Amino acid sequence: MNKDTTKFVNCPGCKISTEWRTDNPHRPFCSDSCRNKDFIAWANEDNAMPGNPVYDDMLSDDF
């Protein structure tokens, strides 16, 4: 890749700058470790998309 067209992004996990390459299997993450930590955070519901709750709090006792 030409240096003038090389793109760098910050890893969403550790925030270090990493080269954006199509042959990077962990893209946009810098490593398998950062990718796995992100997946685990989503699976544990530590991360969430902003928005309104799916269920009304008044109905939550029914579930």
PDB file of N, CA and C in Angstrom:
ATOM      1  N   MET A   1       0.829  -1.172   0.000  1.00  0.00           N
ATOM      2  CA  MET A   1       0.000   0.000   0.000  1.00  0.00           C
ATOM      3  C   MET A   1       0.880   1.245   0.000  1.00  0.00           C
ATOM      4  N   ASN A   2       0.495   2.235  -0.716  1.00  0.00           N
ATOM      5  CA  ASN A   2       1.217   3.492  -0.768  1.00  0.00           C
ATOM      6  C   ASN A   2       1.067   4.217   0.566  1.00  0.00           C
ATOM      7  N   LYS A   3       2.171   4.822   1.071  1.00  0.00           N
ATOM      8  CA  LYS A   3       2.114   5.523   2.354  1.00  0.00           C
ATOM      9  C   LYS A   3       1.101   6.652   2.353  1.00  0.00           C
ATOM     10  N   ASP A   4       0.878   7.277   1.189  1.00  0.00           N
ATOM     11  CA  ASP A   4      -0.068   8.380   1.113  1.00  0.00           C
ATOM     12  C   ASP A   4      -1.511   7.919   1.286  1.00  0.00           C
ATOM     13  N   THR A   5      -1.791   6.651   1.003  1.00  0.00           N
ATOM     14  CA  THR A   5      -3.159   6.155   1.102  1.00  0.00           C
ATOM     15  C   THR A   5      -3.365   5.230   2.297  1.00  0.00           C
ATOM     16  N   THR A   6      -2.337   5.026   3.107  1.00  0.00           N
ATOM     17  CA  THR A   6      -2.465   4.174   4.280  1.00  0.00           C
ATOM     18  C   THR A   6      -3.362   4.850   5.306  1.00  0.00           C
ATOM     19  N   LYS A   7      -4.350   4.101   5.780  1.00  0.00           N
ATOM     20  CA  LYS A   7      -5.286   4.636   6.770  1.00  0.00           C
ATOM     21  C   LYS A   7      -5.007   3.998   8.126  1.00  0.00           C
ATOM     22  N   PHE A   8      -5.127   4.795   9.144  1.00  0.00           N
ATOM     23  CA  PHE A   8      -4.986   4.313  10.508  1.00  0.00           C
ATOM     24  C   PHE A   8      -6.260   4.641  11.272  1.00  0.00           C
ATOM     25  N   VAL A   9      -6.674   3.704  12.118  1.00  0.00           N
ATOM     26  CA  VAL A   9      -7.847   3.906  12.968  1.00  0.00           C
ATOM     27  C   VAL A   9      -7.451   3.543  14.398  1.00  0.00           C
ATOM     28  N   ASN A  10      -8.184   4.062  15.350  1.00  0.00           N
ATOM     29  CA  ASN A  10      -7.959   3.690  16.745  1.00  0.00           C
ATOM     30  C   ASN A  10      -8.756   2.431  17.044  1.00  0.00           C
ATOM     31  N   CYS A  11      -8.092   1.474  17.648  1.00  0.00           N
ATOM     32  CA  CYS A  11      -8.749   0.231  18.049  1.00  0.00           C
ATOM     33  C   CYS A  11      -9.876   0.573  19.019  1.00  0.00           C
ATOM     34  N   PRO A  12     -11.096   0.071  18.787  1.00  0.00           N
ATOM     35  CA  PRO A  12     -12.204   0.362  19.703  1.00  0.00           C
ATOM     36  C   PRO A  12     -11.969  -0.182  21.116  1.00  0.00           C
ATOM     37  N   GLY A  13     -11.093  -1.166  21.243  1.00  0.00           N
ATOM     38  CA  GLY A  13     -10.846  -1.753  22.556  1.00  0.00           C
ATOM     39  C   GLY A  13      -9.811  -1.015  23.376  1.00  0.00           C
ATOM     40  N   CYS A  14      -8.601  -0.879  22.826  1.00  0.00           N
ATOM     41  CA  CYS A  14      -7.498  -0.297  23.594  1.00  0.00           C
ATOM     42  C   CYS A  14      -7.101   1.095  23.121  1.00  0.00           C
ATOM     43  N   LYS A  15      -7.691   1.545  22.030  1.00  0.00           N
ATOM     44  CA  LYS A  15      -7.493   2.897  21.485  1.00  0.00           C
ATOM     45  C   LYS A  15      -6.120   3.134  20.850  1.00  0.00           C
ATOM     46  N   ILE A  16      -5.295   2.085  20.673  1.00  0.00           N
ATOM     47  CA  ILE A  16      -4.023   2.316  19.992  1.00  0.00           C
ATOM     48  C   ILE A  16      -4.278   2.424  18.492  1.00  0.00           C
ATOM     49  N   SER A  17      -3.423   3.150  17.821  1.00  0.00           N
ATOM     50  CA  SER A  17      -3.563   3.340  16.383  1.00  0.00           C
ATOM     51  C   SER A  17      -3.154   2.060  15.666  1.00  0.00           C
ATOM     52  N   THR A  18      -3.988   1.606  14.753  1.00  0.00           N
ATOM     53  CA  THR A  18      -3.694   0.396  13.997  1.00  0.00           C
ATOM     54  C   THR A  18      -3.989   0.636  12.525  1.00  0.00           C
ATOM     55  N   GLU A  19      -3.212  -0.007  11.675  1.00  0.00           N
ATOM     56  CA  GLU A  19      -3.376   0.181  10.236  1.00  0.00           C
ATOM     57  C   GLU A  19      -4.650  -0.513   9.763  1.00  0.00           C
ATOM     58  N   TRP A  20      -5.447   0.199   8.961  1.00  0.00           N
ATOM     59  CA  TRP A  20      -6.685  -0.346   8.399  1.00  0.00           C
ATOM     60  C   TRP A  20      -6.320  -1.081   7.120  1.00  0.00           C
ATOM     61  N   ARG A  21      -6.288  -2.419   7.192  1.00  0.00           N
ATOM     62  CA  ARG A  21      -5.928  -3.237   6.037  1.00  0.00           C
ATOM     63  C   ARG A  21      -6.983  -4.311   5.832  1.00  0.00           C
ATOM     64  N   THR A  22      -7.243  -4.621   4.573  1.00  0.00           N
ATOM     65  CA  THR A  22      -8.240  -5.651   4.276  1.00  0.00           C
ATOM     66  C   THR A  22      -7.764  -7.040   4.693  1.00  0.00           C
ATOM     67  N   ASP A  23      -6.458  -7.234   4.826  1.00  0.00           N
ATOM     68  CA  ASP A  23      -5.949  -8.551   5.216  1.00  0.00           C
ATOM     69  C   ASP A  23      -5.824  -8.709   6.741  1.00  0.00           C
ATOM     70  N   ASN A  24      -6.315  -7.736   7.497  1.00  0.00           N
ATOM     71  CA  ASN A  24      -6.311  -7.834   8.957  1.00  0.00           C
ATOM     72  C   ASN A  24      -7.606  -8.523   9.394  1.00  0.00           C
ATOM     73  N   PRO A  25      -7.536  -9.756   9.880  1.00  0.00           N
ATOM     74  CA  PRO A  25      -8.760 -10.478  10.251  1.00  0.00           C
ATOM     75  C   PRO A  25      -9.447  -9.914  11.496  1.00  0.00           C
ATOM     76  N   HIS A  26      -8.775  -9.028  12.224  1.00  0.00           N
ATOM     77  CA  HIS A  26      -9.335  -8.472  13.457  1.00  0.00           C
ATOM     78  C   HIS A  26      -9.924  -7.082  13.251  1.00  0.00           C
ATOM     79  N   ARG A  27      -9.856  -6.565  12.054  1.00  0.00           N
ATOM     80  CA  ARG A  27     -10.304  -5.209  11.730  1.00  0.00           C
ATOM     81  C   ARG A  27     -11.700  -4.946  12.260  1.00  0.00           C
ATOM     82  N   PRO A  28     -12.018  -3.889  12.937  1.00  0.00           N
ATOM     83  CA  PRO A  28     -11.238  -2.682  13.209  1.00  0.00           C
ATOM     84  C   PRO A  28     -10.381  -2.784  14.466  1.00  0.00           C
ATOM     85  N   PHE A  29     -10.323  -3.954  15.084  1.00  0.00           N
ATOM     86  CA  PHE A  29      -9.527  -4.126  16.295  1.00  0.00           C
ATOM     87  C   PHE A  29      -8.074  -4.381  15.940  1.00  0.00           C
ATOM     88  N   CYS A  30      -7.184  -4.162  16.917  1.00  0.00           N
ATOM     89  CA  CYS A  30      -5.757  -4.352  16.669  1.00  0.00           C
ATOM     90  C   CYS A  30      -5.347  -5.812  16.819  1.00  0.00           C
ATOM     91  N   SER A  31      -6.134  -6.591  17.548  1.00  0.00           N
ATOM     92  CA  SER A  31      -5.738  -7.970  17.820  1.00  0.00           C
ATOM     93  C   SER A  31      -6.951  -8.833  18.134  1.00  0.00           C
ATOM     94  N   ASP A  32      -6.700 -10.122  18.176  1.00  0.00           N
ATOM     95  CA  ASP A  32      -7.743 -11.081  18.538  1.00  0.00           C
ATOM     96  C   ASP A  32      -8.202 -10.851  19.976  1.00  0.00           C
ATOM     97  N   SER A  33      -7.273 -10.478  20.838  1.00  0.00           N
ATOM     98  CA  SER A  33      -7.601 -10.223  22.240  1.00  0.00           C
ATOM     99  C   SER A  33      -8.599  -9.075  22.386  1.00  0.00           C
ATOM    100  N   CYS A  34      -8.352  -7.962  21.709  1.00  0.00           N
ATOM    101  CA  CYS A  34      -9.279  -6.819  21.781  1.00  0.00           C
ATOM    102  C   CYS A  34     -10.634  -7.175  21.180  1.00  0.00           C
ATOM    103  N   ARG A  35     -10.624  -7.925  20.094  1.00  0.00           N
ATOM    104  CA  ARG A  35     -11.883  -8.332  19.466  1.00  0.00           C
ATOM    105  C   ARG A  35     -12.692  -9.223  20.411  1.00  0.00           C
ATOM    106  N   ASN A  36     -12.022 -10.164  21.073  1.00  0.00           N
ATOM    107  CA  ASN A  36     -12.712 -11.063  22.000  1.00  0.00           C
ATOM    108  C   ASN A  36     -13.238 -10.326  23.225  1.00  0.00           C
ATOM    109  N   LYS A  37     -12.467  -9.371  23.756  1.00  0.00           N
ATOM    110  CA  LYS A  37     -12.929  -8.592  24.910  1.00  0.00           C
ATOM    111  C   LYS A  37     -14.191  -7.815  24.554  1.00  0.00           C
ATOM    112  N   ASP A  38     -14.246  -7.262  23.346  1.00  0.00           N
ATOM    113  CA  ASP A  38     -15.425  -6.529  22.905  1.00  0.00           C
ATOM    114  C   ASP A  38     -16.626  -7.463  22.781  1.00  0.00           C
ATOM    115  N   PHE A  39     -16.413  -8.635  22.192  1.00  0.00           N
ATOM    116  CA  PHE A  39     -17.495  -9.609  22.047  1.00  0.00           C
ATOM    117  C   PHE A  39     -18.044 -10.024  23.409  1.00  0.00           C
ATOM    118  N   ILE A  40     -17.155 -10.284  24.353  1.00  0.00           N
ATOM    119  CA  ILE A  40     -17.576 -10.700  25.692  1.00  0.00           C
ATOM    120  C   ILE A  40     -18.372  -9.592  26.378  1.00  0.00           C
ATOM    121  N   ALA A  41     -17.947  -8.343  26.199  1.00  0.00           N
ATOM    122  CA  ALA A  41     -18.681  -7.215  26.798  1.00  0.00           C
ATOM    123  C   ALA A  41     -20.099  -7.139  26.239  1.00  0.00           C
ATOM    124  N   TRP A  42     -20.260  -7.343  24.933  1.00  0.00           N
ATOM    125  CA  TRP A  42     -21.609  -7.334  24.342  1.00  0.00           C
ATOM    126  C   TRP A  42     -22.411  -8.534  24.837  1.00  0.00           C
ATOM    127  N   ALA A  43     -21.788  -9.712  24.909  1.00  0.00           N
ATOM    128  CA  ALA A  43     -22.490 -10.919  25.354  1.00  0.00           C
ATOM    129  C   ALA A  43     -22.947 -10.800  26.806  1.00  0.00           C
ATOM    130  N   ASN A  44     -22.158 -10.114  27.630  1.00  0.00           N
ATOM    131  CA  ASN A  44     -22.519  -9.909  29.037  1.00  0.00           C
ATOM    132  C   ASN A  44     -23.434  -8.708  29.238  1.00  0.00           C
ATOM    133  N   GLU A  45     -23.816  -8.078  28.137  1.00  0.00           N
ATOM    134  CA  GLU A  45     -24.673  -6.891  28.144  1.00  0.00           C
ATOM    135  C   GLU A  45     -24.052  -5.723  28.901  1.00  0.00           C
ATOM    136  N   ASP A  46     -22.701  -5.653  28.897  1.00  0.00           N
ATOM    137  CA  ASP A  46     -22.011  -4.487  29.439  1.00  0.00           C
ATOM    138  C   ASP A  46     -22.119  -3.323  28.461  1.00  0.00           C
ATOM    139  N   ASN A  47     -22.253  -3.625  27.181  1.00  0.00           N
ATOM    140  CA  ASN A  47     -22.450  -2.619  26.133  1.00  0.00           C
ATOM    141  C   ASN A  47     -23.904  -2.673  25.689  1.00  0.00           C
ATOM    142  N   ALA A  48     -24.422  -1.542  25.265  1.00  0.00           N
ATOM    143  CA  ALA A  48     -25.802  -1.496  24.780  1.00  0.00           C
ATOM    144  C   ALA A  48     -25.951  -0.351  23.795  1.00  0.00           C
ATOM    145  N   MET A  49     -26.888  -0.496  22.882  1.00  0.00           N
ATOM    146  CA  MET A  49     -27.205   0.574  21.943  1.00  0.00           C
ATOM    147  C   MET A  49     -28.146   1.548  22.644  1.00  0.00           C
ATOM    148  N   PRO A  50     -27.951   2.859  22.442  1.00  0.00           N
ATOM    149  CA  PRO A  50     -28.850   3.821  23.085  1.00  0.00           C
ATOM    150  C   PRO A  50     -30.257   3.726  22.503  1.00  0.00           C
ATOM    151  N   GLY A  51     -31.236   3.961  23.329  1.00  0.00           N
ATOM    152  CA  GLY A  51     -32.627   3.926  22.874  1.00  0.00           C
ATOM    153  C   GLY A  51     -33.563   3.682  24.034  1.00  0.00           C
ATOM    154  N   ASN A  52     -34.817   3.536  23.710  1.00  0.00           N
ATOM    155  CA  ASN A  52     -35.837   3.287  24.725  1.00  0.00           C
ATOM    156  C   ASN A  52     -35.828   1.816  25.119  1.00  0.00           C
ATOM    157  N   PRO A  53     -36.152   1.505  26.384  1.00  0.00           N
ATOM    158  CA  PRO A  53     -36.209   0.102  26.795  1.00  0.00           C
ATOM    159  C   PRO A  53     -37.301  -0.640  26.024  1.00  0.00           C
ATOM    160  N   VAL A  54     -37.094  -1.920  25.824  1.00  0.00           N
ATOM    161  CA  VAL A  54     -38.048  -2.728  25.072  1.00  0.00           C
ATOM    162  C   VAL A  54     -39.319  -2.940  25.882  1.00  0.00           C
ATOM    163  N   TYR A  55     -39.175  -3.190  27.174  1.00  0.00           N
ATOM    164  CA  TYR A  55     -40.322  -3.470  28.027  1.00  0.00           C
ATOM    165  C   TYR A  55     -40.565  -2.301  28.969  1.00  0.00           C
ATOM    166  N   ASP A  56     -41.817  -2.040  29.237  1.00  0.00           N
ATOM    167  CA  ASP A  56     -42.194  -1.011  30.201  1.00  0.00           C
ATOM    168  C   ASP A  56     -41.853  -1.523  31.601  1.00  0.00           C
ATOM    169  N   ASP A  57     -41.334  -0.656  32.452  1.00  0.00           N
ATOM    170  CA  ASP A  57     -40.965  -1.061  33.809  1.00  0.00           C
ATOM    171  C   ASP A  57     -42.147  -1.613  34.595  1.00  0.00           C
ATOM    172  N   MET A  58     -43.340  -1.141  34.318  1.00  0.00           N
ATOM    173  CA  MET A  58     -44.521  -1.636  35.031  1.00  0.00           C
ATOM    174  C   MET A  58     -44.803  -3.093  34.696  1.00  0.00           C
ATOM    175  N   LEU A  59     -44.428  -3.533  33.530  1.00  0.00           N
ATOM    176  CA  LEU A  59     -44.688  -4.907  33.115  1.00  0.00           C
ATOM    177  C   LEU A  59     -43.544  -5.849  33.463  1.00  0.00           C
ATOM    178  N   SER A  60     -42.423  -5.333  33.921  1.00  0.00           N
ATOM    179  CA  SER A  60     -41.254  -6.174  34.137  1.00  0.00           C
ATOM    180  C   SER A  60     -41.480  -7.236  35.212  1.00  0.00           C
ATOM    181  N   ASP A  61     -42.382  -7.015  36.166  1.00  0.00           N
ATOM    182  CA  ASP A  61     -42.674  -8.017  37.191  1.00  0.00           C
ATOM    183  C   ASP A  61     -43.409  -9.218  36.614  1.00  0.00           C
ATOM    184  N   ASP A  62     -44.064  -9.041  35.472  1.00  0.00           N
ATOM    185  CA  ASP A  62     -44.815 -10.129  34.859  1.00  0.00           C
ATOM    186  C   ASP A  62     -43.905 -11.154  34.191  1.00  0.00           C
ATOM    187  N   PHE A  63     -42.662 -10.810  33.957  1.00  0.00           N
ATOM    188  CA  PHE A  63     -41.767 -11.723  33.247  1.00  0.00           C
ATOM    189  C   PHE A  63     -40.993 -12.495  34.222  1.00  0.00           C
TER     190      PHE A  63
END
